C-alpha atoms as a PDB file:
ATOM      1  CA  MET A   1       0.000   0.000   0.000  1.00  0.00           C
ATOM      2  CA  PRO A   2       1.446   3.428  -0.914  1.00  0.00           C
ATOM      3  CA  GLU A   3       2.610   5.720   1.870  1.00  0.00           C
ATOM      4  CA  THR A   4       0.211   8.515   2.835  1.00  0.00           C
ATOM      5  CA  PRO A   5       1.550  11.818   1.478  1.00  0.00           C
ATOM      6  CA  PHE A   6       3.115  14.080   4.094  1.00  0.00           C
ATOM      7  CA  ILE A   7       2.027  17.718   4.103  1.00  0.00           C
ATOM      8  CA  ALA A   8       3.939  20.375   6.026  1.00  0.00           C
ATOM      9  CA  CYS A   9       2.196  23.576   7.073  1.00  0.00           C
ATOM     10  CA  VAL A  10       4.524  26.412   8.055  1.00  0.00           C
ATOM     11  CA  ASP A  11       2.856  29.401   9.693  1.00  0.00           C
ATOM     12  CA  ASP A  12       4.005  31.420  12.692  1.00  0.00           C
ATOM     13  CA  ASP A  13       0.372  31.831  13.729  1.00  0.00           C
ATOM     14  CA  GLU A  14      -0.051  28.610  15.682  1.00  0.00           C
ATOM     15  CA  SER A  15      -3.854  28.629  15.409  1.00  0.00           C
ATOM     16  CA  VAL A  16      -3.714  28.797  11.598  1.00  0.00           C
ATOM     17  CA  GLY A  17      -1.143  26.009  11.280  1.00  0.00           C
ATOM     18  CA  GLU A  18      -3.022  23.794  13.714  1.00  0.00           C
ATOM     19  CA  ALA A  19      -6.376  24.428  11.995  1.00  0.00           C
ATOM     20  CA  ILE A  20      -4.929  23.369   8.640  1.00  0.00           C
ATOM     21  CA  ARG A  21      -3.199  20.360  10.216  1.00  0.00           C
ATOM     22  CA  GLU A  22      -6.418  19.243  11.921  1.00  0.00           C
ATOM     23  CA  MET A  23      -8.399  19.643   8.695  1.00  0.00           C
ATOM     24  CA  LEU A  24      -5.872  17.496   6.816  1.00  0.00           C
ATOM     25  CA  LYS A  25      -5.740  14.885   9.587  1.00  0.00           C
ATOM     26  CA  ALA A  26      -9.551  14.633   9.467  1.00  0.00           C
ATOM     27  CA  LEU A  27      -9.105  13.641   5.804  1.00  0.00           C
ATOM     28  CA  ASP A  28      -6.643  10.901   6.848  1.00  0.00           C
ATOM     29  CA  LEU A  29      -3.664  12.835   5.502  1.00  0.00           C
ATOM     30  CA  ASP A  30      -0.321  12.886   7.305  1.00  0.00           C
ATOM     31  CA  ALA A  31       0.306  16.527   8.236  1.00  0.00           C
ATOM     32  CA  GLU A  32       2.319  18.550  10.709  1.00  0.00           C
ATOM     33  CA  ALA A  33       2.375  22.234  11.564  1.00  0.00           C
ATOM     34  CA  TYR A  34       5.612  24.156  12.075  1.00  0.00           C
ATOM     35  CA  LEU A  35       5.939  27.630  13.584  1.00  0.00           C
ATOM     36  CA  SER A  36       8.909  28.604  11.408  1.00  0.00           C
ATOM     37  CA  GLY A  37      10.770  27.740   8.246  1.00  0.00           C
ATOM     38  CA  GLU A  38      13.778  26.878  10.374  1.00  0.00           C
ATOM     39  CA  SER A  39      11.828  24.300  12.392  1.00  0.00           C
ATOM     40  CA  PHE A  40      10.556  22.676   9.202  1.00  0.00           C
ATOM     41  CA  LEU A  41      14.066  22.599   7.696  1.00  0.00           C
ATOM     42  CA  SER A  42      15.395  20.836  10.805  1.00  0.00           C
ATOM     43  CA  SER A  43      12.430  18.431  11.083  1.00  0.00           C
ATOM     44  CA  GLY A  44      14.066  15.560   9.211  1.00  0.00           C
ATOM     45  CA  LYS A  45      10.962  15.291   7.024  1.00  0.00           C
ATOM     46  CA  LEU A  46      12.062  17.146   3.893  1.00  0.00           C
ATOM     47  CA  ASP A  47      12.494  13.926   1.904  1.00  0.00           C
ATOM     48  CA  ARG A  48       8.951  12.801   2.819  1.00  0.00           C
ATOM     49  CA  THR A  49       7.207  16.099   2.138  1.00  0.00           C
ATOM     50  CA  ALA A  50       4.791  15.852  -0.790  1.00  0.00           C
ATOM     51  CA  CYS A  51       3.402  19.372  -0.339  1.00  0.00           C
ATOM     52  CA  LEU A  52       4.310  22.489   1.601  1.00  0.00           C
ATOM     53  CA  ILE A  53       1.732  25.044   2.696  1.00  0.00           C
ATOM     54  CA  THR A  54       3.490  28.198   3.875  1.00  0.00           C
ATOM     55  CA  ASP A  55       2.629  31.678   5.011  1.00  0.00           C
ATOM     56  CA  VAL A  56       4.557  34.526   3.413  1.00  0.00           C
ATOM     57  CA  SER A  57       5.178  36.872   6.318  1.00  0.00           C
ATOM     58  CA  MET A  58       6.668  35.128   9.342  1.00  0.00           C
ATOM     59  CA  HIS A  59       9.172  35.982  12.056  1.00  0.00           C
ATOM     60  CA  GLY A  60      12.668  35.111  10.863  1.00  0.00           C
ATOM     61  CA  MET A  61      12.568  33.257   7.573  1.00  0.00           C
ATOM     62  CA  SER A  62       9.732  34.288   5.231  1.00  0.00           C
ATOM     63  CA  GLY A  63       7.814  31.776   3.156  1.00  0.00           C
ATOM     64  CA  PHE A  64       9.730  32.966   0.086  1.00  0.00           C
ATOM     65  CA  ASP A  65      13.047  32.556   1.932  1.00  0.00           C
ATOM     66  CA  LEU A  66      11.962  29.018   2.836  1.00  0.00           C
ATOM     67  CA  MET A  67      11.131  28.223  -0.794  1.00  0.00           C
ATOM     68  CA  ARG A  68      14.521  29.557  -1.952  1.00  0.00           C
ATOM     69  CA  ARG A  69      16.335  27.601   0.767  1.00  0.00           C
ATOM     70  CA  LEU A  70      14.577  24.362  -0.205  1.00  0.00           C
ATOM     71  CA  ALA A  71      15.479  24.939  -3.861  1.00  0.00           C
ATOM     72  CA  ALA A  72      19.122  25.621  -2.914  1.00  0.00           C
ATOM     73  CA  LEU A  73      19.129  22.324  -0.998  1.00  0.00           C
ATOM     74  CA  GLY A  74      17.837  20.530  -4.101  1.00  0.00           C
ATOM     75  CA  TYR A  75      14.214  20.039  -3.006  1.00  0.00           C
ATOM     76  CA  SER A  76      11.356  20.588  -5.425  1.00  0.00           C
ATOM     77  CA  ILE A  77       8.321  20.472  -3.152  1.00  0.00           C
ATOM     78  CA  PRO A  78       5.019  21.695  -4.604  1.00  0.00           C
ATOM     79  CA  THR A  79       4.155  24.729  -2.490  1.00  0.00           C
ATOM     80  CA  ILE A  80       0.910  26.490  -1.686  1.00  0.00           C
ATOM     81  CA  VAL A  81       1.530  30.049  -0.494  1.00  0.00           C
ATOM     82  CA  VAL A  82      -0.996  31.702   1.823  1.00  0.00           C
ATOM     83  CA  THR A  83      -1.009  35.213   3.213  1.00  0.00           C
ATOM     84  CA  GLY A  84      -3.133  37.678   5.069  1.00  0.00           C
ATOM     85  CA  TYR A  85      -1.496  40.483   3.072  1.00  0.00           C
ATOM     86  CA  ALA A  86      -2.303  39.664  -0.534  1.00  0.00           C
ATOM     87  CA  ASN A  87      -1.357  42.129  -3.246  1.00  0.00           C
ATOM     88  CA  ASP A  88      -0.241  41.920  -6.860  1.00  0.00           C
ATOM     89  CA  ARG A  89       3.476  42.182  -6.049  1.00  0.00           C
ATOM     90  CA  THR A  90       3.348  39.373  -3.478  1.00  0.00           C
ATOM     91  CA  ARG A  91       1.245  37.217  -5.814  1.00  0.00           C
ATOM     92  CA  ALA A  92       3.764  37.740  -8.634  1.00  0.00           C
ATOM     93  CA  GLU A  93       6.670  36.894  -6.320  1.00  0.00           C
ATOM     94  CA  ALA A  94       4.955  33.686  -5.169  1.00  0.00           C
ATOM     95  CA  ILE A  95       4.264  32.505  -8.700  1.00  0.00           C
ATOM     96  CA  SER A  96       7.753  33.457  -9.890  1.00  0.00           C
ATOM     97  CA  ALA A  97       9.234  31.535  -6.933  1.00  0.00           C
ATOM     98  CA  GLY A  98       7.431  28.454  -8.239  1.00  0.00           C
ATOM     99  CA  ALA A  99       4.360  28.316  -6.002  1.00  0.00           C
ATOM    100  CA  VAL A 100       1.561  26.066  -7.213  1.00  0.00           C
ATOM    101  CA  CYS A 101      -0.852  28.783  -6.112  1.00  0.00           C
ATOM    102  CA  PHE A 102      -1.247  31.884  -3.993  1.00  0.00           C
ATOM    103  CA  LEU A 103      -4.199  32.072  -1.594  1.00  0.00           C
ATOM    104  CA  SER A 104      -5.464  34.871   0.647  1.00  0.00           C
ATOM    105  CA  LYS A 105      -6.338  34.233   4.286  1.00  0.00           C
ATOM    106  CA  PRO A 106      -8.786  33.192   5.428  1.00  0.00           C
ATOM    107  CA  VAL A 107      -8.498  30.299   2.995  1.00  0.00           C
ATOM    108  CA  ALA A 108     -11.695  28.522   2.013  1.00  0.00           C
ATOM    109  CA  LYS A 109     -11.458  24.813   2.840  1.00  0.00           C
ATOM    110  CA  GLN A 110     -12.655  23.599  -0.580  1.00  0.00           C
ATOM    111  CA  GLU A 111     -10.258  25.926  -2.415  1.00  0.00           C
ATOM    112  CA  LEU A 112      -7.312  24.736  -0.318  1.00  0.00           C
ATOM    113  CA  LEU A 113      -8.261  21.094  -0.870  1.00  0.00           C
ATOM    114  CA  ALA A 114      -8.561  21.575  -4.637  1.00  0.00           C
ATOM    115  CA  TRP A 115      -5.087  23.125  -4.808  1.00  0.00           C
ATOM    116  CA  LEU A 116      -3.720  20.481  -2.436  1.00  0.00           C
ATOM    117  CA  GLU A 117      -4.971  17.755  -4.774  1.00  0.00           C
ATOM    118  CA  LEU A 118      -3.149  19.447  -7.656  1.00  0.00           C
ATOM    119  CA  ALA A 119       0.024  19.841  -5.587  1.00  0.00           C
ATOM    120  CA  LEU A 120      -0.006  16.181  -4.562  1.00  0.00           C
ATOM    121  CA  ASN A 121      -0.469  15.202  -8.213  1.00  0.00           C
ATOM    122  CA  LEU A 122       2.565  17.348  -9.087  1.00  0.00           C
ATOM    123  CA  SER A 123       4.654  15.702  -6.375  1.00  0.00           C
ATOM    124  CA  HIS A 124       3.946  12.392  -8.110  1.00  0.00           C
ATOM    125  CA  GLY A 125       5.177  13.550 -11.518  1.00  0.00           C
ATOM    126  CA  GLY A 126       2.164  15.392 -12.889  1.00  0.00           C
ATOM    127  CA  LYS A 127       2.422  18.535 -14.977  1.00  0.00           C
ATOM    128  CA  SER A 128       1.365  21.924 -13.701  1.00  0.00           C
ATOM    129  CA  PRO A 129      -1.525  23.584 -15.498  1.00  0.00           C
ATOM    130  CA  LYS A 130      -1.498  27.320 -15.994  1.00  0.00           C
ATOM    131  CA  ASN A 131      -2.153  28.897 -12.615  1.00  0.00           C
ATOM    132  CA  PRO A 132      -5.519  30.708 -12.654  1.00  0.00           C
ATOM    133  CA  ASN A 133      -4.415  33.035  -9.851  1.00  0.00           C
END
């Protein structure tokens, strides 16, 4: 039986990370919340991560810094970027950094799940469609 995909949620707002983790766990997905990019990088789970959900603006390492660091380490993890401060510049930066999508907080559950399904497909060798964001 194939291993359940692991999803990492990085958000320095503990309630947001935990809410996403709980939602994913309720769907029988393997998920963990991290309060910082640094804690995710040191988690020992980079090789298992099928999708990353990250906030943009966090204390210390930003979501974009985390994406660049993962790329520099040789990881290509499909990433969903979320933020409470959406604007055209941030959206463009997310997409240019390789994000699967860019979502504004609060994120609608069905929208997140639809993008998560796409991201998990990409982590298993699928091709990315044009991002409608």
